[in-house]
Amino acid sequence: MDKVYLTLKILITLIIVVLFVQNIRVVEVNFLAWSMSLPLALLLVGVYVLGMVSGKSLMALVRRLRQRSHSDER
C-alpha cells in the first residue's frame, strides 16, 4: 500500500510541475482598487492555498457545531 501512495504522490507532483511550467505567463489581477501582475502559476497556487485554509476553517467550524449539538442532547 505504501508503494501506491508513493506512486500517487509522485504523479501528483509531476502534474503540479507540468501545470506550473505551462502557466508561467504573467497575468494582471484586479481587486477593487488593487492591481497586481504575477505569473498565472503563482496565482493558481495562491488560490489553492486560500481554498485549503478556508476549507479547513469551515470543517473546524462544522466539527465544533456538531460537538456542541451532541453535548446539548445529553
N, C-alpha and C. Protein backbone atom coordinates (compact mmCIF):
# COMPACT_ATOMS: atom_id res chain seq x y z
N MET A 1 0.82 -1.20 0.00
CA MET A 1 0.00 0.00 0.00
C MET A 1 0.87 1.26 0.00
N ASP A 2 2.04 1.18 0.65
CA ASP A 2 2.95 2.32 0.67
C ASP A 2 3.43 2.68 -0.74
N LYS A 3 3.62 1.68 -1.57
CA LYS A 3 4.05 1.94 -2.95
C LYS A 3 2.97 2.66 -3.74
N VAL A 4 1.72 2.34 -3.46
CA VAL A 4 0.61 3.01 -4.14
C VAL A 4 0.59 4.50 -3.76
N TYR A 5 0.73 4.78 -2.45
CA TYR A 5 0.75 6.17 -2.00
C TYR A 5 1.94 6.93 -2.57
N LEU A 6 3.10 6.29 -2.61
CA LEU A 6 4.29 6.92 -3.17
C LEU A 6 4.08 7.22 -4.65
N THR A 7 3.50 6.28 -5.38
CA THR A 7 3.22 6.48 -6.80
C THR A 7 2.24 7.63 -7.00
N LEU A 8 1.20 7.70 -6.18
CA LEU A 8 0.24 8.80 -6.28
C LEU A 8 0.89 10.14 -5.97
N LYS A 9 1.74 10.18 -4.96
CA LYS A 9 2.43 11.43 -4.62
C LYS A 9 3.33 11.89 -5.75
N ILE A 10 4.06 10.96 -6.35
CA ILE A 10 4.94 11.30 -7.47
C ILE A 10 4.12 11.78 -8.66
N LEU A 11 3.02 11.12 -8.95
CA LEU A 11 2.15 11.51 -10.07
C LEU A 11 1.57 12.91 -9.85
N ILE A 12 1.09 13.18 -8.66
CA ILE A 12 0.53 14.50 -8.36
C ILE A 12 1.60 15.58 -8.44
N THR A 13 2.80 15.28 -7.95
CA THR A 13 3.91 16.23 -8.03
C THR A 13 4.25 16.53 -9.48
N LEU A 14 4.29 15.51 -10.32
CA LEU A 14 4.58 15.72 -11.74
C LEU A 14 3.50 16.56 -12.41
N ILE A 15 2.25 16.32 -12.08
CA ILE A 15 1.16 17.11 -12.65
C ILE A 15 1.29 18.58 -12.23
N ILE A 16 1.64 18.81 -10.97
CA ILE A 16 1.80 20.19 -10.49
C ILE A 16 2.97 20.87 -11.20
N VAL A 17 4.07 20.15 -11.39
CA VAL A 17 5.23 20.73 -12.08
C VAL A 17 4.87 21.08 -13.52
N VAL A 18 4.17 20.20 -14.21
CA VAL A 18 3.75 20.47 -15.59
C VAL A 18 2.81 21.68 -15.63
N LEU A 19 1.87 21.74 -14.69
CA LEU A 19 0.96 22.88 -14.62
C LEU A 19 1.72 24.18 -14.41
N PHE A 20 2.70 24.15 -13.52
CA PHE A 20 3.49 25.34 -13.24
C PHE A 20 4.29 25.78 -14.46
N VAL A 21 4.94 24.84 -15.15
CA VAL A 21 5.78 25.16 -16.30
C VAL A 21 4.93 25.68 -17.47
N GLN A 22 3.75 25.12 -17.67
CA GLN A 22 2.92 25.53 -18.80
C GLN A 22 2.18 26.83 -18.55
N ASN A 23 2.09 27.28 -17.31
CA ASN A 23 1.34 28.50 -16.99
C ASN A 23 2.24 29.56 -16.36
N ILE A 24 3.37 29.82 -17.00
CA ILE A 24 4.34 30.75 -16.45
C ILE A 24 4.09 32.20 -16.91
N ARG A 25 3.20 32.41 -17.87
CA ARG A 25 2.98 33.78 -18.38
C ARG A 25 2.39 34.66 -17.29
N VAL A 26 2.64 35.95 -17.42
CA VAL A 26 2.23 36.92 -16.41
C VAL A 26 0.80 37.39 -16.72
N VAL A 27 -0.03 37.44 -15.69
CA VAL A 27 -1.39 37.94 -15.82
C VAL A 27 -1.58 39.08 -14.83
N GLU A 28 -2.55 39.93 -15.11
CA GLU A 28 -2.84 41.04 -14.20
C GLU A 28 -4.09 40.69 -13.40
N VAL A 29 -4.00 40.87 -12.10
CA VAL A 29 -5.11 40.59 -11.20
C VAL A 29 -5.60 41.91 -10.63
N ASN A 30 -6.92 42.15 -10.75
CA ASN A 30 -7.53 43.36 -10.22
C ASN A 30 -8.53 42.99 -9.15
N PHE A 31 -8.44 43.68 -8.03
CA PHE A 31 -9.41 43.50 -6.95
C PHE A 31 -9.68 44.86 -6.33
N LEU A 32 -10.90 45.35 -6.53
CA LEU A 32 -11.29 46.70 -6.10
C LEU A 32 -10.29 47.71 -6.66
N ALA A 33 -9.57 48.44 -5.84
CA ALA A 33 -8.61 49.43 -6.35
C ALA A 33 -7.20 48.87 -6.42
N TRP A 34 -7.04 47.61 -6.10
CA TRP A 34 -5.73 46.97 -6.05
C TRP A 34 -5.46 46.25 -7.35
N SER A 35 -4.25 46.37 -7.88
CA SER A 35 -3.89 45.71 -9.13
C SER A 35 -2.48 45.13 -8.99
N MET A 36 -2.30 43.92 -9.52
CA MET A 36 -1.00 43.26 -9.39
C MET A 36 -0.76 42.35 -10.59
N SER A 37 0.48 42.32 -11.07
CA SER A 37 0.86 41.40 -12.15
C SER A 37 1.73 40.30 -11.56
N LEU A 38 1.38 39.05 -11.87
CA LEU A 38 2.14 37.92 -11.37
C LEU A 38 1.94 36.73 -12.30
N PRO A 39 2.85 35.75 -12.23
CA PRO A 39 2.68 34.55 -13.07
C PRO A 39 1.39 33.81 -12.73
N LEU A 40 0.74 33.29 -13.76
CA LEU A 40 -0.51 32.57 -13.58
C LEU A 40 -0.34 31.38 -12.64
N ALA A 41 0.79 30.68 -12.74
CA ALA A 41 1.03 29.53 -11.86
C ALA A 41 1.05 29.96 -10.40
N LEU A 42 1.66 31.10 -10.10
CA LEU A 42 1.70 31.59 -8.73
C LEU A 42 0.30 31.97 -8.25
N LEU A 43 -0.49 32.54 -9.12
CA LEU A 43 -1.89 32.86 -8.78
C LEU A 43 -2.67 31.58 -8.47
N LEU A 44 -2.47 30.54 -9.26
CA LEU A 44 -3.16 29.26 -9.03
C LEU A 44 -2.75 28.67 -7.68
N VAL A 45 -1.47 28.73 -7.36
CA VAL A 45 -1.00 28.21 -6.07
C VAL A 45 -1.62 29.01 -4.93
N GLY A 46 -1.67 30.34 -5.07
CA GLY A 46 -2.27 31.19 -4.04
C GLY A 46 -3.74 30.88 -3.83
N VAL A 47 -4.48 30.71 -4.90
CA VAL A 47 -5.90 30.38 -4.80
C VAL A 47 -6.08 29.01 -4.15
N TYR A 48 -5.23 28.07 -4.50
CA TYR A 48 -5.29 26.73 -3.91
C TYR A 48 -5.05 26.78 -2.40
N VAL A 49 -4.03 27.52 -1.99
CA VAL A 49 -3.71 27.65 -0.56
C VAL A 49 -4.86 28.33 0.19
N LEU A 50 -5.40 29.40 -0.38
CA LEU A 50 -6.55 30.06 0.26
C LEU A 50 -7.74 29.12 0.37
N GLY A 51 -7.96 28.29 -0.63
CA GLY A 51 -9.03 27.31 -0.56
C GLY A 51 -8.81 26.28 0.52
N MET A 52 -7.54 25.84 0.67
CA MET A 52 -7.24 24.88 1.73
C MET A 52 -7.49 25.48 3.11
N VAL A 53 -7.04 26.72 3.30
CA VAL A 53 -7.20 27.37 4.60
C VAL A 53 -8.68 27.59 4.92
N SER A 54 -9.43 28.08 3.95
CA SER A 54 -10.85 28.33 4.21
C SER A 54 -11.62 27.02 4.39
N GLY A 55 -11.24 25.98 3.64
CA GLY A 55 -11.89 24.67 3.81
C GLY A 55 -11.61 24.07 5.17
N LYS A 56 -10.37 24.20 5.63
CA LYS A 56 -10.03 23.68 6.95
C LYS A 56 -10.77 24.44 8.03
N SER A 57 -10.87 25.75 7.89
CA SER A 57 -11.61 26.56 8.86
C SER A 57 -13.08 26.19 8.89
N LEU A 58 -13.66 25.98 7.72
CA LEU A 58 -15.07 25.61 7.63
C LEU A 58 -15.30 24.25 8.27
N MET A 59 -14.42 23.30 8.02
CA MET A 59 -14.59 21.97 8.61
C MET A 59 -14.43 22.02 10.13
N ALA A 60 -13.52 22.86 10.62
CA ALA A 60 -13.36 23.01 12.07
C ALA A 60 -14.62 23.59 12.69
N LEU A 61 -15.23 24.55 12.01
CA LEU A 61 -16.48 25.14 12.50
C LEU A 61 -17.60 24.10 12.52
N VAL A 62 -17.70 23.30 11.47
CA VAL A 62 -18.73 22.25 11.41
C VAL A 62 -18.53 21.24 12.52
N ARG A 63 -17.27 20.84 12.77
CA ARG A 63 -17.00 19.89 13.86
C ARG A 63 -17.38 20.47 15.22
N ARG A 64 -17.04 21.74 15.42
CA ARG A 64 -17.37 22.38 16.69
C ARG A 64 -18.88 22.46 16.90
N LEU A 65 -19.60 22.82 15.86
CA LEU A 65 -21.06 22.90 15.95
C LEU A 65 -21.66 21.52 16.19
N ARG A 66 -21.11 20.52 15.54
CA ARG A 66 -21.60 19.16 15.70
C ARG A 66 -21.35 18.66 17.12
N GLN A 67 -20.16 18.93 17.66
CA GLN A 67 -19.85 18.54 19.03
C GLN A 67 -20.75 19.26 20.03
N ARG A 68 -20.99 20.53 19.78
CA ARG A 68 -21.85 21.32 20.65
C ARG A 68 -23.29 20.77 20.64
N SER A 69 -23.77 20.39 19.47
CA SER A 69 -25.14 19.85 19.39
C SER A 69 -25.24 18.49 20.05
N HIS A 70 -24.17 17.68 19.95
CA HIS A 70 -24.17 16.38 20.62
C HIS A 70 -24.12 16.53 22.14
N SER A 71 -23.36 17.51 22.62
CA SER A 71 -23.27 17.72 24.07
C SER A 71 -24.57 18.33 24.62
N ASP A 72 -25.29 19.10 23.81
CA ASP A 72 -26.58 19.67 24.24
C ASP A 72 -27.66 18.62 24.34
N GLU A 73 -27.55 17.56 23.51
CA GLU A 73 -28.57 16.50 23.52
C GLU A 73 -28.49 15.64 24.78
N ARG A 74 -27.35 15.62 25.43
CA ARG A 74 -27.16 14.76 26.60
C ARG A 74 -27.68 15.38 27.84
